[in-house]
Amino acid sequence: MVPVTLKNQLSPILNQGFVIKRSVFQPCLELYPMEEWQQLMQKMHKKNRFKKKNNDFIRRFTAGVKPVEIDTTGRLLIPKNLVDIAGIKKEVVLSSAINIIEIWDKDSYEKVLDETAENFADLAEEVMGDDGDELS
């Protein structure tokens, strides 16, 4: 079940549908609004498929991709093979990741947060600290 508040936030794009896929970097799934997915596919379409690394990346990136919808009662049916890939057992966490939603097994999500908590201040400084807007 998608929480009502999230479903309400998604209401402008619910009719367009979504794409669900395995994450590249984490043991979770990624839920793309269809418009976001189509933009990403346009970018991928520009890759030269006669370069092996591009072809290998596209194949792996799109492996297991499934179009999905959130039904009128707010349910999202996740294909069993993707549930298994993400290691989802019982409780699920939906985490906003700017333009997509990550879908995690609750224990895995908490473990990843715990593992990155210690160095988060350093990571935040490295990623966000040099935004080029500093005064000279």
Protein backbone atom coordinates (compact mmCIF):
# COMPACT_ATOMS: atom_id res chain seq x y z
CA MET A 1 0.00 0.00 0.00
CA VAL A 2 1.27 3.44 -0.93
CA PRO A 3 0.69 5.86 1.94
CA VAL A 4 -2.24 8.21 1.29
CA THR A 5 -0.08 11.34 1.61
CA LEU A 6 2.36 10.02 -1.01
CA LYS A 7 -0.49 8.92 -3.28
CA ASN A 8 -1.93 12.44 -3.03
CA GLN A 9 1.43 13.96 -3.96
CA LEU A 10 1.66 11.62 -6.94
CA SER A 11 -1.92 12.24 -8.07
CA PRO A 12 -0.96 14.51 -11.02
CA ILE A 13 1.08 11.66 -12.56
CA LEU A 14 -0.80 8.54 -11.38
CA ASN A 15 -2.56 8.03 -14.71
CA GLN A 16 0.72 8.02 -16.62
CA GLY A 17 2.00 4.97 -14.75
CA PHE A 18 5.45 4.08 -13.50
CA VAL A 19 8.42 1.88 -14.24
CA ILE A 20 10.00 -0.24 -11.53
CA LYS A 21 13.53 -1.62 -11.72
CA ARG A 22 16.43 -2.83 -9.63
CA SER A 23 18.80 -0.19 -8.33
CA VAL A 24 22.29 0.09 -9.78
CA PHE A 25 24.06 0.81 -6.48
CA GLN A 26 21.87 -0.47 -3.65
CA PRO A 27 19.81 -3.57 -2.76
CA CYS A 28 16.53 -1.81 -3.43
CA LEU A 29 14.10 -1.05 -6.23
CA GLU A 30 13.52 2.24 -8.01
CA LEU A 31 10.09 3.53 -9.01
CA TYR A 32 10.25 6.01 -11.89
CA PRO A 33 7.30 8.14 -12.94
CA MET A 34 6.74 7.38 -16.63
CA GLU A 35 7.85 10.85 -17.73
CA GLU A 36 11.14 10.52 -15.81
CA TRP A 37 11.68 7.07 -17.31
CA GLN A 38 11.05 8.33 -20.83
CA GLN A 39 13.57 11.16 -20.35
CA LEU A 40 16.14 8.66 -19.13
CA MET A 41 15.45 6.37 -22.08
CA GLN A 42 15.92 9.29 -24.49
CA LYS A 43 19.34 9.86 -22.94
CA MET A 44 20.15 6.14 -23.26
CA HIS A 45 18.93 6.10 -26.85
CA LYS A 46 21.76 8.50 -27.73
CA LYS A 47 24.38 5.97 -26.60
CA ASN A 48 26.25 4.22 -29.38
CA ARG A 49 25.07 0.60 -29.22
CA PHE A 50 28.11 -0.49 -31.26
CA LYS A 51 30.30 0.16 -28.21
CA LYS A 52 30.25 -3.00 -26.11
CA LYS A 53 30.34 -1.18 -22.76
CA ASN A 54 27.30 0.90 -23.73
CA ASN A 55 25.41 -2.16 -24.89
CA ASP A 56 26.35 -4.10 -21.74
CA PHE A 57 25.31 -1.19 -19.52
CA ILE A 58 21.95 -0.72 -21.25
CA ARG A 59 21.20 -4.45 -21.02
CA ARG A 60 22.05 -4.61 -17.32
CA PHE A 61 20.35 -1.31 -16.47
CA THR A 62 17.08 -2.34 -18.10
CA ALA A 63 17.12 -5.96 -16.90
CA GLY A 64 13.90 -6.75 -15.07
CA VAL A 65 12.24 -3.41 -15.86
CA LYS A 66 8.46 -3.59 -15.49
CA PRO A 67 5.73 -1.01 -16.09
CA VAL A 68 3.47 -0.77 -13.03
CA GLU A 69 0.51 1.24 -11.81
CA ILE A 70 -0.81 2.29 -8.44
CA ASP A 71 -4.39 1.02 -8.37
CA THR A 72 -7.40 2.96 -7.13
CA THR A 73 -7.02 1.55 -3.61
CA GLY A 74 -3.37 2.73 -3.47
CA ARG A 75 -1.70 -0.63 -3.98
CA LEU A 76 1.45 -1.13 -5.99
CA LEU A 77 1.96 -4.69 -7.20
CA ILE A 78 5.70 -5.43 -7.25
CA PRO A 79 6.69 -8.40 -9.41
CA LYS A 80 7.95 -11.35 -7.33
CA ASN A 81 11.34 -11.49 -9.05
CA LEU A 82 11.98 -7.84 -8.11
CA VAL A 83 10.81 -8.46 -4.53
CA ASP A 84 13.40 -11.25 -4.35
CA ILE A 85 16.16 -9.11 -5.90
CA ALA A 86 15.55 -6.35 -3.34
CA GLY A 87 15.39 -8.85 -0.48
CA ILE A 88 12.03 -7.52 0.64
CA LYS A 89 10.75 -9.74 3.42
CA LYS A 90 7.86 -8.11 5.28
CA GLU A 91 8.06 -4.37 5.97
CA VAL A 92 8.77 -1.92 3.16
CA VAL A 93 10.21 1.59 3.20
CA LEU A 94 9.41 4.07 0.43
CA SER A 95 12.14 6.67 0.27
CA SER A 96 12.02 9.76 -1.91
CA ALA A 97 15.18 10.15 -3.99
CA ILE A 98 14.48 13.48 -5.72
CA ASN A 99 12.79 12.33 -8.95
CA ILE A 100 12.23 8.66 -8.11
CA ILE A 101 11.07 6.58 -5.16
CA GLU A 102 13.31 3.90 -3.72
CA ILE A 103 11.58 0.79 -2.38
CA TRP A 104 13.51 -1.00 0.36
CA ASP A 105 13.22 -3.89 2.74
CA LYS A 106 12.96 -2.04 6.08
CA ASP A 107 15.90 -3.86 7.70
CA SER A 108 18.15 -3.29 4.66
CA TYR A 109 17.23 0.40 4.57
CA GLU A 110 18.03 0.90 8.26
CA LYS A 111 21.32 -0.99 7.84
CA VAL A 112 22.41 1.24 4.94
CA LEU A 113 21.48 4.37 6.91
CA ASP A 114 23.46 3.11 9.91
CA GLU A 115 26.49 2.28 7.75
CA THR A 116 26.58 5.74 6.18
CA ALA A 117 25.66 7.76 9.30
CA GLU A 118 29.20 7.96 10.66
CA ASN A 119 30.65 9.60 7.56
CA PHE A 120 27.59 11.55 6.48
CA ALA A 121 28.96 14.95 7.50
CA ASP A 122 32.07 14.36 5.39
CA LEU A 123 29.96 13.09 2.49
CA ALA A 124 27.62 16.10 2.71
CA GLU A 125 30.58 18.48 2.63
CA GLU A 126 32.16 16.68 -0.32
CA VAL A 127 28.96 16.43 -2.37
CA MET A 128 27.27 19.73 -1.47
CA GLY A 129 30.05 21.90 -0.05
CA ASP A 130 31.56 23.20 -3.28
CA ASP A 131 28.60 24.48 -5.22
CA GLY A 132 30.57 27.17 -7.07
CA ASP A 133 28.62 29.97 -5.45
CA GLU A 134 31.31 30.95 -2.98
CA LEU A 135 32.36 34.60 -2.89
CA SER A 136 36.02 35.25 -3.62
